[in-house]
Amino acid sequence: AQLQASGGGLVQPGGSLRLSCAVPGFTLDDYAIGWFRQAPGKEREGVSCIKGSDGSTYYADSVKGRFTISRDNAKNTVYLQMNSLKSEDAAVYYCAATGDTYYSGSYLLRIPKVFPTWGQGTQVTVSS
């Protein structure tokens, strides 16, 4: 199954966007879904993830208090609500899935290779 990220676009600093990750063919209770981003010339970094049956959530320090991850099991979709966007949030955002939910959330965000299934990415541009 292929993940499908959408919702990116151009937004002014301080604005908001909501990204969606459609996860067809996955039972969200059995997987951790992560959001990662990659800016030009930089390494891919973990932004947030939501884990398995308890729905526990984790965030990079750089986005805590501004971003919120959530999921709709009925729609097989995971969302990333991004508020108070900054220029440094500009990147291509990817969602990814892993069945290795026994890892801690912080580990999952640090090690993208734990996620074997990725979406195509959606561009977020923050500019006035």
C-alpha atoms as a PDB file:
ATOM      1  CA  ALA A   1       0.000   0.000   0.000  1.00  0.00           C
ATOM      2  CA  GLN A   2       1.154   3.554  -0.736  1.00  0.00           C
ATOM      3  CA  LEU A   3       0.781   6.485   1.620  1.00  0.00           C
ATOM      4  CA  GLN A   4      -0.575   9.697   0.107  1.00  0.00           C
ATOM      5  CA  ALA A   5       0.426  13.016   1.667  1.00  0.00           C
ATOM      6  CA  SER A   6      -1.441  16.191   0.736  1.00  0.00           C
ATOM      7  CA  GLY A   7      -2.298  19.639   2.020  1.00  0.00           C
ATOM      8  CA  GLY A   8       0.933  21.498   1.482  1.00  0.00           C
ATOM      9  CA  GLY A   9       1.079  24.964   0.004  1.00  0.00           C
ATOM     10  CA  LEU A  10       2.244  28.530   0.428  1.00  0.00           C
ATOM     11  CA  VAL A  11       1.469  30.247   3.709  1.00  0.00           C
ATOM     12  CA  GLN A  12       2.620  33.429   5.375  1.00  0.00           C
ATOM     13  CA  PRO A  13       4.641  33.320   8.601  1.00  0.00           C
ATOM     14  CA  GLY A  14       2.245  32.853  11.491  1.00  0.00           C
ATOM     15  CA  GLY A  15      -0.258  31.051   9.299  1.00  0.00           C
ATOM     16  CA  SER A  16      -1.610  27.522   9.447  1.00  0.00           C
ATOM     17  CA  LEU A  17      -1.841  24.455   7.263  1.00  0.00           C
ATOM     18  CA  ARG A  18      -3.252  20.997   7.787  1.00  0.00           C
ATOM     19  CA  LEU A  19      -1.496  18.102   6.125  1.00  0.00           C
ATOM     20  CA  SER A  20      -3.252  14.822   5.490  1.00  0.00           C
ATOM     21  CA  CYS A  21      -1.788  11.371   5.067  1.00  0.00           C
ATOM     22  CA  ALA A  22      -4.106   8.789   3.574  1.00  0.00           C
ATOM     23  CA  VAL A  23      -3.069   5.319   4.642  1.00  0.00           C
ATOM     24  CA  PRO A  24      -5.071   2.840   2.567  1.00  0.00           C
ATOM     25  CA  GLY A  25      -4.720  -0.793   3.478  1.00  0.00           C
ATOM     26  CA  PHE A  26      -3.347  -0.160   6.972  1.00  0.00           C
ATOM     27  CA  THR A  27      -5.076  -0.657  10.281  1.00  0.00           C
ATOM     28  CA  LEU A  28      -3.915   2.428  12.139  1.00  0.00           C
ATOM     29  CA  ASP A  29      -4.107   0.716  15.524  1.00  0.00           C
ATOM     30  CA  ASP A  30      -1.332  -1.632  14.374  1.00  0.00           C
ATOM     31  CA  TYR A  31       1.082   0.997  13.070  1.00  0.00           C
ATOM     32  CA  ALA A  32       2.978   4.085  13.970  1.00  0.00           C
ATOM     33  CA  ILE A  33       2.573   6.894  11.463  1.00  0.00           C
ATOM     34  CA  GLY A  34       5.231   9.555  11.356  1.00  0.00           C
ATOM     35  CA  TRP A  35       5.635  12.924   9.723  1.00  0.00           C
ATOM     36  CA  PHE A  36       9.096  13.885   8.540  1.00  0.00           C
ATOM     37  CA  ARG A  37      10.388  16.896   6.664  1.00  0.00           C
ATOM     38  CA  GLN A  38      13.359  17.708   4.534  1.00  0.00           C
ATOM     39  CA  ALA A  39      14.521  21.159   3.550  1.00  0.00           C
ATOM     40  CA  PRO A  40      17.027  21.733   0.723  1.00  0.00           C
ATOM     41  CA  GLY A  41      20.542  20.853   1.828  1.00  0.00           C
ATOM     42  CA  LYS A  42      19.388  19.398   5.127  1.00  0.00           C
ATOM     43  CA  GLU A  43      18.846  15.904   6.440  1.00  0.00           C
ATOM     44  CA  ARG A  44      15.384  14.485   6.813  1.00  0.00           C
ATOM     45  CA  GLU A  45      14.111  15.127  10.318  1.00  0.00           C
ATOM     46  CA  GLY A  46      11.289  13.677  12.357  1.00  0.00           C
ATOM     47  CA  VAL A  47       8.466  16.082  13.136  1.00  0.00           C
ATOM     48  CA  SER A  48       5.787  14.042  14.858  1.00  0.00           C
ATOM     49  CA  CYS A  49       4.400  10.554  15.151  1.00  0.00           C
ATOM     50  CA  ILE A  50       1.334   8.793  16.475  1.00  0.00           C
ATOM     51  CA  LYS A  51       1.593   5.248  17.721  1.00  0.00           C
ATOM     52  CA  GLY A  52      -0.554   2.140  17.580  1.00  0.00           C
ATOM     53  CA  SER A  53      -3.545   1.272  19.635  1.00  0.00           C
ATOM     54  CA  ASP A  54      -3.060   3.868  22.369  1.00  0.00           C
ATOM     55  CA  GLY A  55      -2.672   6.764  19.944  1.00  0.00           C
ATOM     56  CA  SER A  56       0.220   8.240  21.885  1.00  0.00           C
ATOM     57  CA  THR A  57       1.800  11.225  20.183  1.00  0.00           C
ATOM     58  CA  TYR A  58       5.333  12.594  19.997  1.00  0.00           C
ATOM     59  CA  TYR A  59       6.796  15.823  18.697  1.00  0.00           C
ATOM     60  CA  ALA A  60      10.159  17.271  17.837  1.00  0.00           C
ATOM     61  CA  ASP A  61      11.085  20.071  20.207  1.00  0.00           C
ATOM     62  CA  SER A  62      11.056  22.529  17.327  1.00  0.00           C
ATOM     63  CA  VAL A  63       7.314  22.047  16.739  1.00  0.00           C
ATOM     64  CA  LYS A  64       5.948  21.348  20.230  1.00  0.00           C
ATOM     65  CA  GLY A  65       3.038  23.600  21.051  1.00  0.00           C
ATOM     66  CA  ARG A  66       2.526  24.553  17.389  1.00  0.00           C
ATOM     67  CA  PHE A  67       1.854  21.265  15.591  1.00  0.00           C
ATOM     68  CA  THR A  68      -0.741  18.633  16.435  1.00  0.00           C
ATOM     69  CA  ILE A  69      -0.911  15.133  15.023  1.00  0.00           C
ATOM     70  CA  SER A  70      -4.188  13.250  14.996  1.00  0.00           C
ATOM     71  CA  ARG A  71      -5.858  10.412  13.187  1.00  0.00           C
ATOM     72  CA  ASP A  72      -9.240   9.314  11.940  1.00  0.00           C
ATOM     73  CA  ASN A  73      -9.322   5.535  11.972  1.00  0.00           C
ATOM     74  CA  ALA A  74     -12.577   5.395  10.023  1.00  0.00           C
ATOM     75  CA  LYS A  75     -11.011   7.379   7.184  1.00  0.00           C
ATOM     76  CA  ASN A  76      -7.576   5.737   7.501  1.00  0.00           C
ATOM     77  CA  THR A  77      -6.071   9.193   7.582  1.00  0.00           C
ATOM     78  CA  VAL A  78      -3.517  10.900   9.797  1.00  0.00           C
ATOM     79  CA  TYR A  79      -3.401  14.690  10.027  1.00  0.00           C
ATOM     80  CA  LEU A  80      -0.751  17.197  10.970  1.00  0.00           C
ATOM     81  CA  GLN A  81      -2.186  20.541  12.000  1.00  0.00           C
ATOM     82  CA  MET A  82       0.536  23.163  11.759  1.00  0.00           C
ATOM     83  CA  ASN A  83      -0.028  26.521  13.408  1.00  0.00           C
ATOM     84  CA  SER A  84       2.191  29.557  13.912  1.00  0.00           C
ATOM     85  CA  LEU A  85       4.309  28.515  10.974  1.00  0.00           C
ATOM     86  CA  LYS A  86       7.821  29.877  10.702  1.00  0.00           C
ATOM     87  CA  SER A  87      10.159  30.216   7.760  1.00  0.00           C
ATOM     88  CA  GLU A  88      12.233  27.361   9.176  1.00  0.00           C
ATOM     89  CA  ASP A  89       9.235  25.042   8.875  1.00  0.00           C
ATOM     90  CA  ALA A  90       9.445  25.247   5.078  1.00  0.00           C
ATOM     91  CA  ALA A  91      10.286  21.823   3.667  1.00  0.00           C
ATOM     92  CA  VAL A  92       8.890  18.848   1.843  1.00  0.00           C
ATOM     93  CA  TYR A  93       6.802  16.930   4.355  1.00  0.00           C
ATOM     94  CA  TYR A  94       6.525  13.165   4.175  1.00  0.00           C
ATOM     95  CA  CYS A  95       4.396  10.691   6.035  1.00  0.00           C
ATOM     96  CA  ALA A  96       5.583   7.170   6.727  1.00  0.00           C
ATOM     97  CA  ALA A  97       4.343   3.990   8.369  1.00  0.00           C
ATOM     98  CA  THR A  98       5.982   1.318  10.473  1.00  0.00           C
ATOM     99  CA  GLY A  99       4.719  -1.748  12.277  1.00  0.00           C
ATOM    100  CA  ASP A 100       7.580  -1.448  14.793  1.00  0.00           C
ATOM    101  CA  THR A 101       5.469   0.300  17.395  1.00  0.00           C
ATOM    102  CA  TYR A 102       7.515  -1.043  20.305  1.00  0.00           C
ATOM    103  CA  TYR A 103      10.135   1.650  19.743  1.00  0.00           C
ATOM    104  CA  SER A 104       9.790   4.811  21.760  1.00  0.00           C
ATOM    105  CA  GLY A 105       8.318   7.804  20.027  1.00  0.00           C
ATOM    106  CA  SER A 106      11.561   9.735  20.352  1.00  0.00           C
ATOM    107  CA  TYR A 107      13.470   6.864  18.711  1.00  0.00           C
ATOM    108  CA  LEU A 108      11.009   6.691  15.846  1.00  0.00           C
ATOM    109  CA  LEU A 109      11.480  10.387  15.151  1.00  0.00           C
ATOM    110  CA  ARG A 110      15.276  10.110  15.231  1.00  0.00           C
ATOM    111  CA  ILE A 111      15.570   7.036  12.966  1.00  0.00           C
ATOM    112  CA  PRO A 112      13.584   7.420   9.712  1.00  0.00           C
ATOM    113  CA  LYS A 113      14.886   4.083   8.429  1.00  0.00           C
ATOM    114  CA  VAL A 114      12.612   2.336  10.923  1.00  0.00           C
ATOM    115  CA  PHE A 115       9.752   3.347   8.613  1.00  0.00           C
ATOM    116  CA  PRO A 116       9.643   1.052   5.545  1.00  0.00           C
ATOM    117  CA  THR A 117       6.667   2.676   3.798  1.00  0.00           C
ATOM    118  CA  TRP A 118       6.642   6.303   2.667  1.00  0.00           C
ATOM    119  CA  GLY A 119       4.386   8.708   0.845  1.00  0.00           C
ATOM    120  CA  GLN A 120       5.461  10.999  -1.987  1.00  0.00           C
ATOM    121  CA  GLY A 121       5.837  14.230   0.007  1.00  0.00           C
ATOM    122  CA  THR A 122       4.013  17.554  -0.021  1.00  0.00           C
ATOM    123  CA  GLN A 123       5.717  20.945  -0.230  1.00  0.00           C
ATOM    124  CA  VAL A 124       5.220  23.507   2.518  1.00  0.00           C
ATOM    125  CA  THR A 125       6.451  27.013   1.759  1.00  0.00           C
ATOM    126  CA  VAL A 126       6.406  29.703   4.426  1.00  0.00           C
ATOM    127  CA  SER A 127       7.001  33.140   3.006  1.00  0.00           C
ATOM    128  CA  SER A 128       5.599  36.631   3.089  1.00  0.00           C
END
